[in-house]
Amino acid sequence: MKAKLEGVRVLLVEDYEDSRHLMTAMLVPSGMRVTAVGTAAEALATLQREPFDILLADIGLPDQNGYDLLQTIRRLSQECRSIPAVAVTAFVSREDQERAAEAGFQAHVGKPIERSVLLSSIHKVL
């Protein structure tokens, strides 16, 4: 799986610094290039500066929830409209998974995160 993820540009949106570091440490050994930000506003600014292959977004962000963030991203540009997105969240009920899918996330990874599940979800949506 490493070869297929080599060079993938990941935008990670997670408000907890420890979680950003943990997820980055899970992704980098597979050859992915990770840009990690802590807020929806930072994510939007970063997306307007550079392209990414996939978005990993927490749902419980402080400034704008992940559902609304993805809707905003989908309105930015054609490239952003089609970026694959994975919800990475502690909201793991069936209803939460359905809401993530309805918001446009192609996959849902529950916290605490297992590296194999995260990598498999990324591989699946790419």
Protein backbone atom coordinates (compact mmCIF):
# COMPACT_ATOMS: atom_id res chain seq x y z
CA MET A 1 0.00 0.00 0.00
CA LYS A 2 2.95 2.35 0.62
CA ALA A 3 3.75 2.76 -3.07
CA LYS A 4 0.17 3.73 -3.86
CA LEU A 5 0.20 6.45 -1.20
CA GLU A 6 3.70 7.76 -1.97
CA GLY A 7 3.58 11.47 -2.71
CA VAL A 8 -0.11 11.91 -1.87
CA ARG A 9 -0.69 15.48 -0.68
CA VAL A 10 -2.83 15.44 2.47
CA LEU A 11 -4.53 18.42 4.09
CA LEU A 12 -5.20 17.43 7.70
CA VAL A 13 -7.61 19.63 9.69
CA GLU A 14 -7.56 18.82 13.40
CA ASP A 15 -7.85 21.29 16.27
CA TYR A 16 -5.93 19.24 18.86
CA GLU A 17 -2.20 19.58 18.39
CA ASP A 18 -1.43 16.12 19.81
CA SER A 19 -3.90 14.54 17.39
CA ARG A 20 -2.35 16.46 14.46
CA HIS A 21 1.08 15.13 15.42
CA LEU A 22 -0.20 11.58 15.90
CA MET A 23 -2.02 11.45 12.54
CA THR A 24 0.94 13.04 10.76
CA ALA A 25 3.19 10.35 12.29
CA MET A 26 0.77 7.70 10.98
CA LEU A 27 0.76 9.09 7.43
CA VAL A 28 4.33 10.18 6.72
CA PRO A 29 5.88 6.66 6.83
CA SER A 30 3.61 5.75 3.89
CA GLY A 31 5.22 8.51 1.84
CA MET A 32 2.40 11.02 2.12
CA ARG A 33 3.12 14.74 2.31
CA VAL A 34 1.03 16.13 5.15
CA THR A 35 0.07 19.74 5.78
CA ALA A 36 -1.63 19.93 9.18
CA VAL A 37 -3.75 22.89 10.29
CA GLY A 38 -5.82 23.53 13.40
CA THR A 39 -8.87 25.43 12.16
CA ALA A 40 -11.34 25.54 9.29
CA ALA A 41 -10.14 29.06 8.44
CA GLU A 42 -6.55 27.81 8.11
CA ALA A 43 -7.75 24.94 5.94
CA LEU A 44 -9.59 27.27 3.57
CA ALA A 45 -6.61 29.60 3.29
CA THR A 46 -4.25 26.68 2.67
CA LEU A 47 -6.49 25.17 -0.01
CA GLN A 48 -6.52 28.47 -1.87
CA ARG A 49 -2.69 28.53 -1.90
CA GLU A 50 -1.88 24.98 -2.96
CA PRO A 51 -3.51 21.81 -4.28
CA PHE A 52 -4.12 18.65 -2.26
CA ASP A 53 -5.08 15.10 -3.19
CA ILE A 54 -7.18 14.39 -0.11
CA LEU A 55 -8.74 16.15 2.87
CA LEU A 56 -8.81 14.61 6.35
CA ALA A 57 -11.04 16.69 8.60
CA ASP A 58 -12.17 16.49 12.17
CA ILE A 59 -15.88 17.21 12.60
CA GLY A 60 -15.67 18.96 15.98
CA LEU A 61 -13.62 22.00 14.97
CA PRO A 62 -13.89 25.15 17.09
CA ASP A 63 -14.52 27.75 14.38
CA GLN A 64 -16.65 25.81 11.90
CA ASN A 65 -17.67 22.15 12.10
CA GLY A 66 -16.27 19.69 9.58
CA TYR A 67 -19.60 19.30 7.78
CA ASP A 68 -19.83 23.03 7.08
CA LEU A 69 -16.13 23.19 6.24
CA LEU A 70 -16.55 20.58 3.52
CA GLN A 71 -19.56 22.39 2.08
CA THR A 72 -17.51 25.61 1.95
CA ILE A 73 -14.58 23.79 0.31
CA ARG A 74 -16.88 22.35 -2.35
CA ARG A 75 -17.80 25.92 -3.37
CA LEU A 76 -14.19 27.19 -3.72
CA SER A 77 -13.15 25.85 -7.13
CA GLN A 78 -13.54 22.91 -9.47
CA GLU A 79 -10.47 21.27 -7.98
CA CYS A 80 -11.79 21.70 -4.42
CA ARG A 81 -15.24 20.55 -5.46
CA SER A 82 -13.86 17.10 -6.24
CA ILE A 83 -11.24 16.60 -3.50
CA PRO A 84 -11.78 13.28 -1.74
CA ALA A 85 -12.61 13.80 1.94
CA VAL A 86 -12.39 11.60 5.03
CA ALA A 87 -14.08 12.55 8.31
CA VAL A 88 -11.80 11.74 11.26
CA THR A 89 -13.90 12.15 14.36
CA ALA A 90 -15.00 11.03 17.79
CA PHE A 91 -18.60 11.25 16.53
CA VAL A 92 -18.99 7.60 15.59
CA SER A 93 -22.67 6.69 15.84
CA ARG A 94 -24.54 5.41 12.81
CA GLU A 95 -26.27 8.79 12.57
CA ASP A 96 -22.89 10.56 12.64
CA GLN A 97 -21.63 8.34 9.84
CA GLU A 98 -24.76 9.03 7.79
CA ARG A 99 -24.46 12.77 8.40
CA ALA A 100 -20.82 12.70 7.26
CA ALA A 101 -21.82 10.88 4.08
CA GLU A 102 -24.65 13.34 3.45
CA ALA A 103 -22.19 16.23 3.91
CA GLY A 104 -19.99 14.75 1.18
CA PHE A 105 -17.35 12.76 3.05
CA GLN A 106 -16.45 9.56 1.22
CA ALA A 107 -15.21 7.81 4.37
CA HIS A 108 -15.58 8.07 8.14
CA VAL A 109 -12.80 7.10 10.57
CA GLY A 110 -13.60 7.00 14.27
CA LYS A 111 -11.34 8.07 17.09
CA PRO A 112 -9.29 6.65 18.63
CA ILE A 113 -7.66 6.21 15.26
CA GLU A 114 -6.09 2.96 14.16
CA ARG A 115 -3.36 3.48 11.57
CA SER A 116 -4.49 0.55 9.43
CA VAL A 117 -8.08 1.85 9.30
CA LEU A 118 -6.93 5.37 8.44
CA LEU A 119 -4.62 4.19 5.65
CA SER A 120 -7.25 1.82 4.28
CA SER A 121 -9.83 4.62 4.20
CA ILE A 122 -7.43 6.96 2.40
CA HIS A 123 -6.56 4.26 -0.11
CA LYS A 124 -10.25 3.51 -0.69
CA VAL A 125 -11.30 7.10 -1.42
CA LEU A 126 -8.32 7.82 -3.67
